[in-house]
Protein backbone atom coordinates (compact mmCIF):
# COMPACT_ATOMS: atom_id res chain seq x y z
CA MET A 1 -38.24 -32.95 -51.63
CA THR A 2 -36.84 -30.47 -49.05
CA ILE A 3 -33.88 -31.38 -46.92
CA THR A 4 -33.53 -29.51 -43.60
CA THR A 5 -30.44 -29.48 -41.46
CA THR A 6 -30.25 -28.65 -37.80
CA THR A 7 -27.25 -27.42 -35.88
CA PRO A 8 -26.32 -29.71 -33.02
CA PRO A 9 -26.86 -28.17 -29.55
CA ARG A 10 -23.16 -28.45 -28.68
CA ALA A 11 -22.19 -26.54 -31.84
CA ARG A 12 -24.74 -23.81 -31.03
CA LYS A 13 -23.26 -23.47 -27.56
CA LEU A 14 -19.74 -23.16 -28.98
CA VAL A 15 -20.86 -20.51 -31.46
CA GLY A 16 -22.64 -18.57 -28.71
CA ALA A 17 -19.62 -18.78 -26.43
CA GLY A 18 -17.32 -17.58 -29.21
CA ARG A 19 -19.64 -14.64 -29.93
CA ARG A 20 -19.71 -13.67 -26.25
CA GLN A 21 -15.92 -13.82 -26.09
CA TRP A 22 -15.62 -11.43 -29.03
CA ILE A 23 -18.15 -9.08 -27.46
CA GLY A 24 -16.16 -9.21 -24.21
CA LEU A 25 -12.96 -8.41 -26.08
CA LEU A 26 -14.65 -5.41 -27.69
CA TYR A 27 -15.66 -4.11 -24.26
CA VAL A 28 -12.14 -4.37 -22.82
CA ALA A 29 -10.40 -3.14 -26.00
CA PRO A 30 -10.48 0.59 -25.01
CA ALA A 31 -8.92 -0.18 -21.62
CA VAL A 32 -6.29 -2.41 -23.23
CA ALA A 33 -5.52 0.32 -25.78
CA LEU A 34 -5.04 2.88 -23.00
CA VAL A 35 -2.69 0.56 -21.10
CA VAL A 36 -0.67 -0.14 -24.25
CA VAL A 37 -0.45 3.50 -25.37
CA PHE A 38 0.13 5.14 -21.99
CA PHE A 39 2.09 2.41 -20.15
CA ILE A 40 3.55 -0.40 -22.27
CA ILE A 41 4.89 1.78 -25.09
CA PRO A 42 6.32 4.52 -22.79
CA LEU A 43 7.89 1.82 -20.60
CA GLY A 44 9.55 0.25 -23.63
CA MET A 45 10.76 3.65 -24.84
CA THR A 46 12.18 4.46 -21.40
CA ALA A 47 14.04 1.15 -21.27
CA TRP A 48 15.43 1.82 -24.77
CA MET A 49 16.47 5.37 -23.89
CA SER A 50 18.27 4.13 -20.77
CA LEU A 51 20.72 2.29 -23.03
CA HIS A 52 21.65 5.45 -24.94
CA ASN A 53 23.41 8.73 -24.46
CA TRP A 54 20.31 10.78 -25.23
CA PRO A 55 20.75 14.56 -25.01
CA LEU A 56 17.81 16.91 -25.40
CA MET A 57 19.28 18.31 -28.59
CA GLY A 58 21.52 16.48 -31.01
CA GLU A 59 21.94 12.87 -32.02
CA HIS A 60 21.72 10.02 -29.52
CA PHE A 61 23.91 6.93 -29.65
CA TYR A 62 23.92 3.50 -28.05
CA ILE A 63 26.17 3.06 -24.97
CA GLY A 64 24.85 -0.20 -23.52
CA PHE A 65 24.74 -0.34 -19.73
CA ASP A 66 27.04 2.65 -19.15
CA ASN A 67 24.18 4.68 -17.63
CA TYR A 68 23.49 1.91 -15.11
CA ARG A 69 27.18 1.69 -14.22
CA ALA A 70 27.20 5.46 -13.70
CA ILE A 71 24.34 5.10 -11.21
CA LEU A 72 26.59 3.02 -8.96
CA ARG A 73 28.91 6.04 -8.66
CA ASP A 74 26.12 8.63 -8.27
CA ASN A 75 26.29 9.45 -4.55
CA ARG A 76 23.63 12.15 -4.91
CA PHE A 77 21.12 9.58 -6.20
CA TRP A 78 21.83 7.15 -3.36
CA ASN A 79 21.51 9.97 -0.83
CA ALA A 80 18.19 10.94 -2.42
CA LEU A 81 17.05 7.31 -2.32
CA SER A 82 18.06 7.08 1.35
CA PHE A 83 16.10 10.23 2.18
CA THR A 84 13.12 8.91 0.20
CA ALA A 85 13.16 5.68 2.23
CA TYR A 86 13.34 7.66 5.49
CA TYR A 87 10.47 9.91 4.41
CA THR A 88 8.40 6.90 3.28
CA VAL A 89 8.73 5.12 6.64
CA ILE A 90 7.92 8.22 8.69
CA VAL A 91 5.01 9.50 6.62
CA THR A 92 3.40 6.04 6.31
CA ILE A 93 3.46 5.53 10.07
CA VAL A 94 2.09 9.00 10.78
CA ILE A 95 -0.68 8.71 8.18
CA PHE A 96 -1.95 5.45 9.61
CA ALA A 97 -1.58 6.72 13.18
CA VAL A 98 -3.94 9.57 12.26
CA ALA A 99 -6.25 7.78 9.80
CA PHE A 100 -7.01 4.70 11.90
CA PRO A 101 -8.46 6.57 14.92
CA LEU A 102 -10.47 8.71 12.50
CA ALA A 103 -11.82 5.54 10.83
CA LEU A 104 -12.81 4.12 14.23
CA PHE A 105 -14.50 7.41 15.07
CA ILE A 106 -16.63 7.70 11.93
CA GLU A 107 -17.35 3.99 11.42
CA LYS A 108 -20.47 3.85 13.63
CA PRO A 109 -23.50 5.99 12.80
CA ARG A 110 -23.75 8.87 15.21
CA ARG A 111 -24.83 12.47 15.19
CA LEU A 112 -23.00 14.53 12.50
CA THR A 113 -21.18 11.44 11.18
CA GLY A 114 -21.75 12.55 7.59
CA PHE A 115 -20.32 15.98 8.37
CA TYR A 116 -17.21 14.48 9.98
CA ARG A 117 -16.64 12.09 7.09
CA THR A 118 -16.93 14.88 4.55
CA SER A 119 -14.72 17.25 6.54
CA PHE A 120 -11.95 14.71 7.06
CA PHE A 121 -12.06 13.56 3.44
CA MET A 122 -12.25 17.02 1.84
CA PRO A 123 -8.46 17.67 1.59
CA ALA A 124 -8.10 14.47 -0.46
CA VAL A 125 -9.86 16.11 -3.42
CA VAL A 126 -7.21 18.85 -3.56
CA GLY A 127 -4.37 18.08 -5.96
CA PHE A 128 -0.87 17.72 -4.53
CA ALA A 129 0.39 20.71 -6.51
CA SER A 130 -2.46 22.91 -5.26
CA ALA A 131 -1.99 21.69 -1.68
CA SER A 132 1.75 22.36 -1.93
CA LEU A 133 1.13 25.91 -3.15
CA LEU A 134 -1.33 26.48 -0.30
CA TRP A 135 1.12 25.24 2.33
CA SER A 136 3.95 27.16 0.72
CA TRP A 137 1.99 30.30 1.51
CA LEU A 138 1.03 29.11 5.01
CA LEU A 139 4.69 28.43 5.83
CA ASN A 140 5.97 31.74 4.48
CA VAL A 141 7.93 33.52 7.18
CA ASP A 142 6.54 37.00 6.42
CA SER A 143 3.20 36.75 4.62
CA GLY A 144 2.09 33.29 5.70
CA LEU A 145 -0.05 32.15 8.62
CA PHE A 146 1.96 30.03 11.05
CA SER A 147 5.00 32.20 11.74
CA PRO A 148 3.23 35.61 11.86
CA ALA A 149 0.41 34.16 13.99
CA ALA A 150 2.85 32.65 16.50
CA TYR A 151 4.66 36.00 16.72
CA ASP A 152 1.46 38.05 17.06
CA PHE A 153 0.16 35.83 19.88
CA GLY A 154 3.46 36.14 21.71
CA LEU A 155 4.38 32.49 21.33
CA THR A 156 7.76 33.38 19.77
CA ALA A 157 10.13 36.29 20.30
CA LYS A 158 10.45 36.82 16.55
CA LYS A 159 9.16 35.43 13.30
CA PHE A 160 10.79 32.12 12.45
CA ASN A 161 11.35 30.40 9.14
CA LEU A 162 10.11 26.80 9.31
CA LEU A 163 11.84 25.99 6.04
CA ALA A 164 15.33 27.22 6.95
CA THR A 165 16.57 24.04 8.64
CA PHE A 166 16.01 20.36 7.95
CA GLN A 167 13.90 19.15 10.89
CA PRO A 168 11.23 21.92 10.86
CA ALA A 169 11.07 21.76 7.06
CA PHE A 170 10.78 17.97 7.03
CA TRP A 171 8.01 17.87 9.63
CA SER A 172 6.19 20.70 7.87
CA ILE A 173 6.07 18.50 4.77
CA ILE A 174 4.89 15.55 6.87
CA ALA A 175 2.07 17.70 8.31
CA MET A 176 1.00 18.78 4.82
CA VAL A 177 0.97 15.24 3.46
CA VAL A 178 -0.96 13.89 6.46
CA TRP A 179 -3.52 16.70 6.11
CA LYS A 180 -3.86 15.84 2.41
CA VAL A 181 -3.88 12.01 2.52
CA ALA A 182 -5.22 10.94 5.93
CA GLY A 183 -8.87 11.40 4.87
CA PHE A 184 -8.49 9.09 1.88
CA THR A 185 -6.75 6.43 4.01
CA MET A 186 -9.50 6.86 6.60
CA ILE A 187 -12.17 5.90 4.04
CA ILE A 188 -10.26 2.76 3.03
CA LEU A 189 -9.86 1.71 6.66
CA MET A 190 -13.51 2.48 7.37
CA THR A 191 -14.64 0.11 4.63
CA GLY A 192 -12.47 -2.58 6.19
CA LEU A 193 -13.96 -1.98 9.61
CA GLN A 194 -17.51 -2.12 8.25
CA SER A 195 -16.81 -5.44 6.49
CA ILE A 196 -16.10 -7.20 9.81
CA PRO A 197 -19.13 -9.32 10.79
CA THR A 198 -20.85 -7.97 13.88
CA ASP A 199 -21.56 -11.54 15.00
CA LEU A 200 -17.88 -12.04 15.74
CA GLN A 201 -17.69 -8.91 17.83
CA GLU A 202 -20.84 -9.82 19.75
CA ALA A 203 -19.62 -13.37 20.36
CA ALA A 204 -16.31 -12.05 21.67
CA MET A 205 -18.13 -9.64 24.00
CA ILE A 206 -20.26 -12.49 25.34
CA ASP A 207 -17.08 -14.47 25.99
CA GLY A 208 -15.77 -11.56 28.04
CA ALA A 209 -13.24 -10.10 25.60
CA GLY A 210 -12.50 -6.43 26.22
CA PRO A 211 -12.12 -3.73 23.55
CA PHE A 212 -8.35 -4.18 23.23
CA ALA A 213 -8.63 -7.98 23.04
CA ARG A 214 -11.32 -7.72 20.34
CA PHE A 215 -9.21 -5.22 18.43
CA ARG A 216 -6.13 -7.45 18.56
CA ALA A 217 -7.85 -10.80 17.90
CA ILE A 218 -10.62 -9.79 15.49
CA THR A 219 -10.25 -6.31 14.02
CA LEU A 220 -6.60 -6.36 13.01
CA PRO A 221 -6.55 -9.92 11.54
CA LEU A 222 -9.73 -9.35 9.51
CA MET A 223 -8.43 -6.00 8.24
CA ARG A 224 -5.17 -7.57 7.14
CA ARG A 225 -5.71 -6.87 3.47
CA THR A 226 -7.30 -3.47 4.05
CA LEU A 227 -4.13 -2.43 5.86
CA ALA A 228 -2.10 -3.08 2.71
CA LEU A 229 0.41 -0.28 2.40
CA ILE A 230 1.12 -0.63 -1.33
CA LEU A 231 -0.61 2.60 -2.36
CA SER A 232 0.80 4.60 0.53
CA ILE A 233 4.37 3.34 0.09
CA ALA A 234 4.34 3.73 -3.69
CA GLY A 235 2.97 7.26 -3.41
CA SER A 236 5.61 8.20 -0.83
CA ILE A 237 8.48 6.78 -2.89
CA LEU A 238 7.24 8.81 -5.87
CA ALA A 239 6.96 12.01 -3.82
CA PHE A 240 7.89 15.08 -5.84
CA ASP A 241 5.37 17.94 -5.87
CA GLN A 242 5.65 18.99 -2.22
CA PHE A 243 9.44 18.88 -2.15
CA TYR A 244 9.77 20.72 -5.46
CA ILE A 245 7.16 23.43 -4.85
CA ILE A 246 7.71 24.09 -1.14
CA LEU A 247 11.40 23.31 -0.54
CA ARG A 248 13.09 23.13 -3.97
CA GLY A 249 15.21 20.34 -2.50
CA GLY A 250 16.42 22.56 0.34
CA PRO A 251 17.63 23.34 2.82
CA ARG A 252 21.11 22.55 1.42
CA ASN A 253 19.80 19.74 -0.82
CA GLN A 254 18.80 17.71 2.25
CA THR A 255 15.30 16.99 0.95
CA LEU A 256 16.13 15.73 -2.52
CA THR A 257 13.91 12.74 -3.29
CA ALA A 258 14.62 10.06 -5.87
CA VAL A 259 12.02 11.44 -8.29
CA TYR A 260 13.35 14.97 -7.76
CA TRP A 261 16.84 13.80 -8.75
CA ILE A 262 15.46 12.01 -11.81
CA PHE A 263 13.67 15.24 -12.78
CA ASN A 264 16.88 17.21 -12.22
CA GLN A 265 18.99 14.92 -14.39
CA SER A 266 16.37 14.65 -17.14
CA PHE A 267 14.99 18.19 -17.43
CA VAL A 268 17.63 20.41 -15.83
CA SER A 269 20.85 18.71 -16.91
CA PHE A 270 19.09 17.29 -20.02
CA LYS A 271 20.61 13.82 -19.59
CA LEU A 272 17.52 12.03 -20.81
CA GLY A 273 19.21 8.66 -21.17
CA TYR A 274 20.63 8.78 -17.66
CA GLY A 275 17.28 9.95 -16.28
CA ALA A 276 15.60 7.01 -18.03
CA ALA A 277 18.07 4.60 -16.39
CA LEU A 278 17.33 6.13 -12.98
CA SER A 279 13.60 5.70 -13.69
CA MET A 280 14.06 2.02 -14.50
CA ILE A 281 15.96 1.48 -11.24
CA LEU A 282 13.21 3.19 -9.27
CA LEU A 283 10.57 1.13 -11.09
CA ALA A 284 12.41 -2.08 -10.19
CA ILE A 285 12.47 -1.00 -6.52
CA LEU A 286 8.73 -0.26 -6.57
CA VAL A 287 7.90 -3.61 -8.18
CA ALA A 288 10.08 -5.48 -5.67
CA LEU A 289 8.50 -3.72 -2.68
CA SER A 290 4.98 -4.36 -4.02
CA LEU A 291 5.71 -8.06 -4.57
CA VAL A 292 7.08 -8.37 -1.03
CA GLN A 293 3.96 -6.73 0.40
CA LEU A 294 1.65 -8.95 -1.65
CA TRP A 295 3.56 -12.00 -0.42
CA LEU A 296 3.33 -10.88 3.20
CA LEU A 297 -0.39 -10.17 2.84
CA ARG A 298 -1.23 -13.43 1.08
CA LYS A 299 -4.13 -15.43 2.49
CA PRO A 300 -2.93 -18.24 4.80
CA GLU A 301 -3.56 -21.78 3.61
CA GLY A 302 -6.75 -23.34 4.83
CA ILE A 303 -8.56 -20.01 5.24
CA ASP A 304 -11.34 -19.21 2.78
């Protein structure tokens, strides 16, 4: 006599679901491992180092929150943070002022649209270090392009150094960053423009709404999330390459950014513990600004 048993359907479903969950975990395991190894562990080590007097050579020892108390007295860091905030506001406004008209221009299919999109986006593939080296040569007072060209065409009485004083140097950096980043921002804005239903635009035109009214009432509200500035603001706050390669913090230390000062304290003065504390403060500022932006850009209640 043979006895056969059958697995209930509910049990089979549970077994299948459990198997799929394990398969899903296997798929995400490499990404989780990368996050743990290259973010979680270094973050924990940085937080631990910030509580120590940690020289490059020699033995480190625990000092508690002394590094954080020292930050309160570090006027150079607060000046660098103030300059970083000023740079972030200016460069973000200029980038969007340039990128948004470009996005409006290339959004609709027209003759040579592909060429324009490629041309505007091309600088985005150049690394910041490479772009900074290129512009460092362009801005050179003797062997560069801008100053000798202006002198040769009779636009100036003599060759001028754009990097000698704060305002020309600052706006030279702004021009470089806009040239480098505007194309990438343009693509993001273009995707937002193309996601707006054409039915809404056509209905507004039928109702007599002009271009500006449609832009204000339809385009801007529906691009609310596309206009999120988190990437732009975070990238500007972490600015380092262009100020280090082109200006070296000059003229007269007026263009020291927060990251530049952290680099200086960590790898020039070799105060690794203090540099770690500065990094944790900057991280807290970035997280706070990102949370504020996410809160401001949250979806209003009642809107799907």
